[in-house]
Amino acid sequence: MFDSVGWGEILVLVVAGLFILGPERLPSAAAWLGKTVRQVREYATGAQTKLRNELGPEFDELRKPLEDLRGLRNFNPRTAVRRTLFDDDPDPLGMNTLRSNGNGSTGASDTAPAAPPAARPVERLAPDERPPIDPDAT
């Protein structure tokens, strides 16, 4: 229940309750809150047990899609697309070599700019030669 609430938040709530309710009424308010939370938990557990008994094995079939939806709570579409397209390549587009100021250097003033990658040799065609055609590309 307190997965997203840390000890710092609980301490702030206790101090705020001390100022709002005063030291006389704070213990009774905390007891009431504890009793209410316990009662809500018992209702939820009883409802789950009743559903499980009435539905039988179909209850597990209903829980599976709900568990899958719970797994989507932290879904990030950018991460999913990046993971799907680039298969764990840390720099798929080679952007780490062209950082910060855009001129190919890493931004440090005492280092030389990075050398450009080696270019593929260009194949020259003879004056009467036709370029090759890729039937899959057309």
N, C-alpha and C. Protein backbone atom coordinates (compact mmCIF):
# COMPACT_ATOMS: atom_id res chain seq x y z
N MET A 1 0.82 -1.19 0.00
CA MET A 1 0.00 0.00 0.00
C MET A 1 0.87 1.25 0.00
N PHE A 2 1.96 1.22 0.73
CA PHE A 2 2.83 2.40 0.82
C PHE A 2 4.01 2.29 -0.12
N ASP A 3 3.81 1.70 -1.29
CA ASP A 3 4.91 1.55 -2.25
C ASP A 3 5.38 2.89 -2.78
N SER A 4 4.44 3.82 -3.01
CA SER A 4 4.83 5.10 -3.60
C SER A 4 5.02 6.19 -2.55
N VAL A 5 4.75 5.89 -1.27
CA VAL A 5 4.90 6.88 -0.21
C VAL A 5 6.13 6.51 0.61
N GLY A 6 7.06 7.44 0.69
CA GLY A 6 8.29 7.19 1.44
C GLY A 6 8.16 7.66 2.88
N TRP A 7 9.24 7.41 3.63
CA TRP A 7 9.22 7.79 5.04
C TRP A 7 9.18 9.30 5.22
N GLY A 8 9.77 10.03 4.31
CA GLY A 8 9.74 11.50 4.41
C GLY A 8 8.33 12.04 4.29
N GLU A 9 7.54 11.48 3.37
CA GLU A 9 6.16 11.92 3.21
C GLU A 9 5.32 11.57 4.44
N ILE A 10 5.57 10.38 5.00
CA ILE A 10 4.82 9.99 6.20
C ILE A 10 5.15 10.93 7.36
N LEU A 11 6.41 11.29 7.50
CA LEU A 11 6.81 12.21 8.56
C LEU A 11 6.14 13.58 8.38
N VAL A 12 6.07 14.06 7.15
CA VAL A 12 5.41 15.34 6.88
C VAL A 12 3.93 15.25 7.24
N LEU A 13 3.28 14.13 6.90
CA LEU A 13 1.86 13.97 7.24
C LEU A 13 1.64 13.93 8.75
N VAL A 14 2.53 13.27 9.49
CA VAL A 14 2.41 13.20 10.95
C VAL A 14 2.57 14.60 11.55
N VAL A 15 3.56 15.34 11.09
CA VAL A 15 3.77 16.69 11.62
C VAL A 15 2.60 17.59 11.27
N ALA A 16 2.07 17.48 10.03
CA ALA A 16 0.91 18.28 9.65
C ALA A 16 -0.30 17.89 10.50
N GLY A 17 -0.48 16.59 10.73
CA GLY A 17 -1.59 16.16 11.58
C GLY A 17 -1.44 16.66 13.01
N LEU A 18 -0.21 16.71 13.50
CA LEU A 18 0.04 17.22 14.84
C LEU A 18 -0.35 18.68 14.94
N PHE A 19 -0.02 19.47 13.92
CA PHE A 19 -0.39 20.88 13.93
C PHE A 19 -1.88 21.09 13.73
N ILE A 20 -2.50 20.30 12.86
CA ILE A 20 -3.92 20.51 12.55
C ILE A 20 -4.81 19.97 13.66
N LEU A 21 -4.57 18.75 14.12
CA LEU A 21 -5.45 18.13 15.11
C LEU A 21 -5.02 18.44 16.54
N GLY A 22 -3.78 18.66 16.73
CA GLY A 22 -3.30 18.89 18.09
C GLY A 22 -2.89 17.58 18.73
N PRO A 23 -2.09 17.66 19.78
CA PRO A 23 -1.60 16.43 20.42
C PRO A 23 -2.69 15.63 21.12
N GLU A 24 -3.83 16.25 21.44
CA GLU A 24 -4.89 15.51 22.15
C GLU A 24 -5.66 14.59 21.21
N ARG A 25 -5.98 15.08 20.01
CA ARG A 25 -6.83 14.31 19.09
C ARG A 25 -6.04 13.47 18.10
N LEU A 26 -4.73 13.65 17.97
CA LEU A 26 -3.94 12.91 16.98
C LEU A 26 -3.94 11.40 17.24
N PRO A 27 -3.77 10.90 18.46
CA PRO A 27 -3.80 9.44 18.67
C PRO A 27 -5.15 8.82 18.30
N SER A 28 -6.24 9.48 18.62
CA SER A 28 -7.55 8.90 18.27
C SER A 28 -7.77 8.94 16.76
N ALA A 29 -7.27 9.99 16.08
CA ALA A 29 -7.41 10.07 14.62
C ALA A 29 -6.57 8.99 13.95
N ALA A 30 -5.37 8.73 14.47
CA ALA A 30 -4.52 7.68 13.91
C ALA A 30 -5.16 6.31 14.13
N ALA A 31 -5.79 6.08 15.29
CA ALA A 31 -6.46 4.81 15.55
C ALA A 31 -7.64 4.64 14.60
N TRP A 32 -8.41 5.70 14.38
CA TRP A 32 -9.54 5.64 13.46
C TRP A 32 -9.06 5.33 12.03
N LEU A 33 -7.98 5.97 11.61
CA LEU A 33 -7.44 5.75 10.27
C LEU A 33 -6.96 4.31 10.12
N GLY A 34 -6.27 3.78 11.12
CA GLY A 34 -5.80 2.40 11.07
C GLY A 34 -6.96 1.41 11.00
N LYS A 35 -8.00 1.66 11.79
CA LYS A 35 -9.17 0.78 11.79
C LYS A 35 -9.87 0.81 10.44
N THR A 36 -9.97 2.00 9.83
CA THR A 36 -10.63 2.14 8.54
C THR A 36 -9.83 1.44 7.44
N VAL A 37 -8.52 1.60 7.44
CA VAL A 37 -7.68 0.93 6.44
C VAL A 37 -7.78 -0.58 6.59
N ARG A 38 -7.77 -1.07 7.81
CA ARG A 38 -7.89 -2.51 8.06
C ARG A 38 -9.24 -3.02 7.56
N GLN A 39 -10.31 -2.26 7.78
CA GLN A 39 -11.64 -2.68 7.35
C GLN A 39 -11.74 -2.70 5.82
N VAL A 40 -11.15 -1.72 5.16
CA VAL A 40 -11.17 -1.69 3.69
C VAL A 40 -10.39 -2.87 3.13
N ARG A 41 -9.27 -3.21 3.75
CA ARG A 41 -8.50 -4.38 3.31
C ARG A 41 -9.31 -5.66 3.47
N GLU A 42 -10.03 -5.79 4.58
CA GLU A 42 -10.85 -6.98 4.80
C GLU A 42 -11.97 -7.07 3.76
N TYR A 43 -12.58 -5.95 3.41
CA TYR A 43 -13.62 -5.94 2.37
C TYR A 43 -13.03 -6.37 1.03
N ALA A 44 -11.87 -5.84 0.69
CA ALA A 44 -11.25 -6.18 -0.59
C ALA A 44 -10.86 -7.65 -0.64
N THR A 45 -10.30 -8.17 0.45
CA THR A 45 -9.92 -9.58 0.49
C THR A 45 -11.15 -10.47 0.41
N GLY A 46 -12.22 -10.09 1.11
CA GLY A 46 -13.46 -10.86 1.07
C GLY A 46 -14.08 -10.86 -0.33
N ALA A 47 -14.05 -9.72 -1.01
CA ALA A 47 -14.59 -9.65 -2.36
C ALA A 47 -13.77 -10.51 -3.31
N GLN A 48 -12.45 -10.49 -3.17
CA GLN A 48 -11.59 -11.30 -4.04
C GLN A 48 -11.83 -12.79 -3.79
N THR A 49 -11.96 -13.16 -2.53
CA THR A 49 -12.21 -14.56 -2.19
C THR A 49 -13.56 -15.02 -2.73
N LYS A 50 -14.57 -14.16 -2.60
CA LYS A 50 -15.90 -14.50 -3.09
C LYS A 50 -15.89 -14.65 -4.61
N LEU A 51 -15.21 -13.75 -5.31
CA LEU A 51 -15.10 -13.86 -6.77
C LEU A 51 -14.38 -15.14 -7.17
N ARG A 52 -13.30 -15.45 -6.47
CA ARG A 52 -12.53 -16.65 -6.78
C ARG A 52 -13.37 -17.90 -6.58
N ASN A 53 -14.18 -17.93 -5.52
CA ASN A 53 -15.02 -19.10 -5.25
C ASN A 53 -16.14 -19.23 -6.27
N GLU A 54 -16.72 -18.10 -6.70
CA GLU A 54 -17.84 -18.16 -7.64
C GLU A 54 -17.38 -18.44 -9.07
N LEU A 55 -16.26 -17.88 -9.46
CA LEU A 55 -15.80 -18.06 -10.84
C LEU A 55 -14.96 -19.31 -11.03
N GLY A 56 -14.34 -19.78 -9.99
CA GLY A 56 -13.52 -20.98 -10.09
C GLY A 56 -12.30 -20.75 -10.96
N PRO A 57 -12.04 -21.65 -11.92
CA PRO A 57 -10.84 -21.52 -12.76
C PRO A 57 -10.90 -20.33 -13.72
N GLU A 58 -12.10 -19.82 -13.98
CA GLU A 58 -12.22 -18.66 -14.88
C GLU A 58 -11.62 -17.40 -14.25
N PHE A 59 -11.48 -17.39 -12.94
CA PHE A 59 -10.91 -16.22 -12.26
C PHE A 59 -9.48 -15.98 -12.71
N ASP A 60 -8.70 -17.06 -12.86
CA ASP A 60 -7.31 -16.90 -13.32
C ASP A 60 -7.26 -16.40 -14.76
N GLU A 61 -8.24 -16.80 -15.58
CA GLU A 61 -8.29 -16.31 -16.95
C GLU A 61 -8.60 -14.81 -16.99
N LEU A 62 -9.36 -14.33 -16.03
CA LEU A 62 -9.66 -12.89 -15.95
C LEU A 62 -8.47 -12.11 -15.41
N ARG A 63 -7.71 -12.73 -14.53
CA ARG A 63 -6.57 -12.03 -13.92
C ARG A 63 -5.42 -11.82 -14.89
N LYS A 64 -5.22 -12.73 -15.84
CA LYS A 64 -4.08 -12.63 -16.75
C LYS A 64 -4.12 -11.34 -17.58
N PRO A 65 -5.23 -10.98 -18.24
CA PRO A 65 -5.23 -9.70 -18.97
C PRO A 65 -5.03 -8.50 -18.06
N LEU A 66 -5.54 -8.58 -16.84
CA LEU A 66 -5.35 -7.46 -15.91
C LEU A 66 -3.90 -7.33 -15.50
N GLU A 67 -3.21 -8.46 -15.31
CA GLU A 67 -1.79 -8.42 -15.00
C GLU A 67 -0.98 -7.87 -16.18
N ASP A 68 -1.39 -8.22 -17.41
CA ASP A 68 -0.72 -7.67 -18.59
C ASP A 68 -0.90 -6.16 -18.67
N LEU A 69 -2.10 -5.68 -18.34
CA LEU A 69 -2.33 -4.23 -18.34
C LEU A 69 -1.51 -3.55 -17.25
N ARG A 70 -1.36 -4.21 -16.12
CA ARG A 70 -0.55 -3.63 -15.04
C ARG A 70 0.91 -3.51 -15.49
N GLY A 71 1.36 -4.44 -16.31
CA GLY A 71 2.72 -4.37 -16.83
C GLY A 71 2.91 -3.21 -17.80
N LEU A 72 1.83 -2.74 -18.41
CA LEU A 72 1.91 -1.61 -19.34
C LEU A 72 1.94 -0.26 -18.64
N ARG A 73 1.84 -0.26 -17.34
CA ARG A 73 1.81 1.00 -16.59
C ARG A 73 3.08 1.81 -16.84
N ASN A 74 4.21 1.16 -16.93
CA ASN A 74 5.48 1.84 -17.15
C ASN A 74 5.94 1.75 -18.60
N PHE A 75 4.98 1.62 -19.53
CA PHE A 75 5.30 1.47 -20.94
C PHE A 75 5.77 2.80 -21.51
N ASN A 76 6.90 2.78 -22.21
CA ASN A 76 7.43 3.96 -22.86
C ASN A 76 7.53 3.66 -24.36
N PRO A 77 6.73 4.33 -25.20
CA PRO A 77 6.74 4.01 -26.62
C PRO A 77 8.09 4.25 -27.28
N ARG A 78 8.81 5.28 -26.88
CA ARG A 78 10.12 5.55 -27.48
C ARG A 78 11.08 4.39 -27.23
N THR A 79 11.09 3.91 -26.00
CA THR A 79 11.98 2.80 -25.65
C THR A 79 11.60 1.55 -26.42
N ALA A 80 10.30 1.30 -26.56
CA ALA A 80 9.85 0.11 -27.28
C ALA A 80 10.24 0.17 -28.75
N VAL A 81 10.07 1.33 -29.38
CA VAL A 81 10.43 1.46 -30.80
C VAL A 81 11.93 1.35 -30.96
N ARG A 82 12.70 2.00 -30.10
CA ARG A 82 14.15 1.94 -30.19
C ARG A 82 14.64 0.50 -30.01
N ARG A 83 14.07 -0.20 -29.04
CA ARG A 83 14.48 -1.58 -28.80
C ARG A 83 14.11 -2.48 -29.98
N THR A 84 12.94 -2.24 -30.58
CA THR A 84 12.49 -3.06 -31.69
C THR A 84 13.31 -2.81 -32.95
N LEU A 85 13.58 -1.55 -33.24
CA LEU A 85 14.25 -1.22 -34.50
C LEU A 85 15.76 -1.43 -34.46
N PHE A 86 16.39 -1.10 -33.36
CA PHE A 86 17.84 -1.06 -33.35
C PHE A 86 18.50 -2.20 -32.60
N ASP A 87 17.76 -3.07 -31.97
CA ASP A 87 18.30 -4.27 -31.32
C ASP A 87 19.54 -4.01 -30.49
N ASP A 88 19.41 -3.18 -29.50
CA ASP A 88 20.46 -2.92 -28.51
C ASP A 88 21.72 -2.27 -29.09
N ASP A 89 21.60 -1.56 -30.22
CA ASP A 89 22.73 -0.81 -30.76
C ASP A 89 22.78 0.52 -30.02
N PRO A 90 23.83 0.81 -29.24
CA PRO A 90 23.84 2.02 -28.43
C PRO A 90 23.88 3.30 -29.26
N ASP A 91 24.41 3.25 -30.47
CA ASP A 91 24.49 4.44 -31.31
C ASP A 91 24.11 4.05 -32.74
N PRO A 92 22.81 3.81 -33.01
CA PRO A 92 22.43 3.27 -34.31
C PRO A 92 22.65 4.24 -35.47
N LEU A 93 22.60 5.53 -35.24
CA LEU A 93 22.74 6.50 -36.32
C LEU A 93 24.11 7.17 -36.33
N GLY A 94 24.99 6.79 -35.44
CA GLY A 94 26.31 7.38 -35.39
C GLY A 94 26.31 8.81 -34.88
N MET A 95 25.37 9.13 -34.01
CA MET A 95 25.24 10.50 -33.52
C MET A 95 26.24 10.82 -32.43
N ASN A 96 26.83 9.83 -31.79
CA ASN A 96 27.79 10.13 -30.73
C ASN A 96 29.07 10.73 -31.28
N THR A 97 29.37 10.47 -32.56
CA THR A 97 30.58 11.07 -33.14
C THR A 97 30.35 12.51 -33.56
N LEU A 98 29.11 12.89 -33.79
CA LEU A 98 28.79 14.26 -34.19
C LEU A 98 27.98 14.92 -33.07
N ARG A 99 28.64 15.33 -32.03
CA ARG A 99 27.95 15.88 -30.87
C ARG A 99 28.10 17.38 -30.79
N SER A 100 27.42 17.95 -29.86
CA SER A 100 27.45 19.30 -29.34
C SER A 100 27.46 20.41 -30.39
N ASN A 101 28.57 20.79 -30.97
CA ASN A 101 28.58 22.01 -31.78
C ASN A 101 28.36 21.76 -33.26
N GLY A 102 28.17 20.57 -33.70
CA GLY A 102 27.76 20.29 -35.06
C GLY A 102 28.86 20.30 -36.10
N ASN A 103 30.11 20.59 -35.75
CA ASN A 103 31.15 20.62 -36.77
C ASN A 103 32.00 19.36 -36.76
N GLY A 104 31.52 18.34 -36.07
CA GLY A 104 32.23 17.07 -36.07
C GLY A 104 33.17 16.91 -34.91
N SER A 105 33.43 17.97 -34.13
CA SER A 105 34.32 17.82 -32.99
C SER A 105 33.51 17.45 -31.77
N THR A 106 34.19 16.97 -30.76
CA THR A 106 33.51 16.56 -29.54
C THR A 106 33.27 17.72 -28.60
N GLY A 107 33.65 18.90 -28.94
CA GLY A 107 33.42 20.07 -28.11
C GLY A 107 34.62 20.45 -27.29
N ALA A 108 35.63 19.61 -27.18
CA ALA A 108 36.81 19.95 -26.41
C ALA A 108 37.72 20.82 -27.27
N SER A 109 38.31 21.85 -26.68
CA SER A 109 39.11 22.79 -27.46
C SER A 109 40.52 22.28 -27.72
N ASP A 110 41.02 21.35 -26.91
CA ASP A 110 42.40 20.93 -27.08
C ASP A 110 42.55 19.65 -27.91
N THR A 111 41.46 19.14 -28.44
CA THR A 111 41.55 17.94 -29.25
C THR A 111 41.21 18.26 -30.69
N ALA A 112 41.75 17.48 -31.58
CA ALA A 112 41.49 17.69 -33.00
C ALA A 112 40.12 17.11 -33.35
N PRO A 113 39.49 17.64 -34.41
CA PRO A 113 38.19 17.09 -34.81
C PRO A 113 38.32 15.63 -35.22
N ALA A 114 37.25 14.90 -35.06
CA ALA A 114 37.26 13.48 -35.40
C ALA A 114 37.38 13.34 -36.91
N ALA A 115 38.11 12.34 -37.34
CA ALA A 115 38.29 12.11 -38.77
C ALA A 115 36.99 11.57 -39.34
N PRO A 116 36.63 12.01 -40.55
CA PRO A 116 35.40 11.49 -41.15
C PRO A 116 35.57 10.01 -41.48
N PRO A 117 34.48 9.27 -41.51
CA PRO A 117 34.60 7.85 -41.82
C PRO A 117 35.09 7.67 -43.26
N ALA A 118 35.80 6.57 -43.50
CA ALA A 118 36.35 6.30 -44.83
C ALA A 118 35.21 6.09 -45.81
N ALA A 119 35.27 6.77 -46.95
CA ALA A 119 34.22 6.68 -47.96
C ALA A 119 34.44 5.45 -48.83
N ARG A 120 33.35 4.90 -49.32
CA ARG A 120 33.45 3.78 -50.24
C ARG A 120 33.99 4.27 -51.57
N PRO A 121 34.78 3.49 -52.25
CA PRO A 121 35.27 3.92 -53.56
C PRO A 121 34.11 4.00 -54.55
N VAL A 122 34.12 5.05 -55.35
CA VAL A 122 33.07 5.26 -56.34
C VAL A 122 33.44 4.50 -57.60
N GLU A 123 32.53 3.70 -58.09
CA GLU A 123 32.78 2.95 -59.31
C GLU A 123 32.38 3.83 -60.50
N ARG A 124 33.28 4.02 -61.40
CA ARG A 124 33.03 4.83 -62.59
C ARG A 124 32.54 3.92 -63.72
N LEU A 125 31.60 4.43 -64.48
CA LEU A 125 31.10 3.70 -65.64
C LEU A 125 31.80 4.19 -66.90
N ALA A 126 31.93 3.29 -67.82
CA ALA A 126 32.49 3.67 -69.12
C ALA A 126 31.49 4.58 -69.83
N PRO A 127 31.92 5.38 -70.80
CA PRO A 127 31.01 6.31 -71.46
C PRO A 127 29.80 5.64 -72.09
N ASP A 128 29.91 4.44 -72.64
CA ASP A 128 28.77 3.79 -73.30
C ASP A 128 28.09 2.76 -72.40
N GLU A 129 28.53 2.60 -71.17
CA GLU A 129 28.01 1.56 -70.28
C GLU A 129 26.76 2.06 -69.56
N ARG A 130 25.77 1.17 -69.43
CA ARG A 130 24.54 1.50 -68.72
C ARG A 130 24.68 1.08 -67.26
N PRO A 131 24.11 1.85 -66.33
CA PRO A 131 24.21 1.47 -64.92
C PRO A 131 23.41 0.21 -64.65
N PRO A 132 23.84 -0.56 -63.68
CA PRO A 132 23.09 -1.79 -63.36
C PRO A 132 21.73 -1.44 -62.77
N ILE A 133 20.76 -2.26 -63.03
CA ILE A 133 19.39 -2.04 -62.55
C ILE A 133 19.06 -3.10 -61.51
N ASP A 134 18.52 -2.67 -60.43
CA ASP A 134 18.09 -3.58 -59.38
C ASP A 134 16.58 -3.78 -59.53
N PRO A 135 16.13 -4.94 -59.99
CA PRO A 135 14.69 -5.12 -60.22
C PRO A 135 13.88 -5.09 -58.92
N ASP A 136 14.52 -5.38 -57.80
CA ASP A 136 13.78 -5.33 -56.53
C ASP A 136 13.55 -3.91 -56.07
N ALA A 137 14.39 -2.98 -56.50
CA ALA A 137 14.27 -1.60 -56.06
C ALA A 137 13.27 -0.80 -56.88
N THR A 138 12.91 -1.29 -58.05
CA THR A 138 12.00 -0.51 -58.91
C THR A 138 10.60 -0.98 -58.83
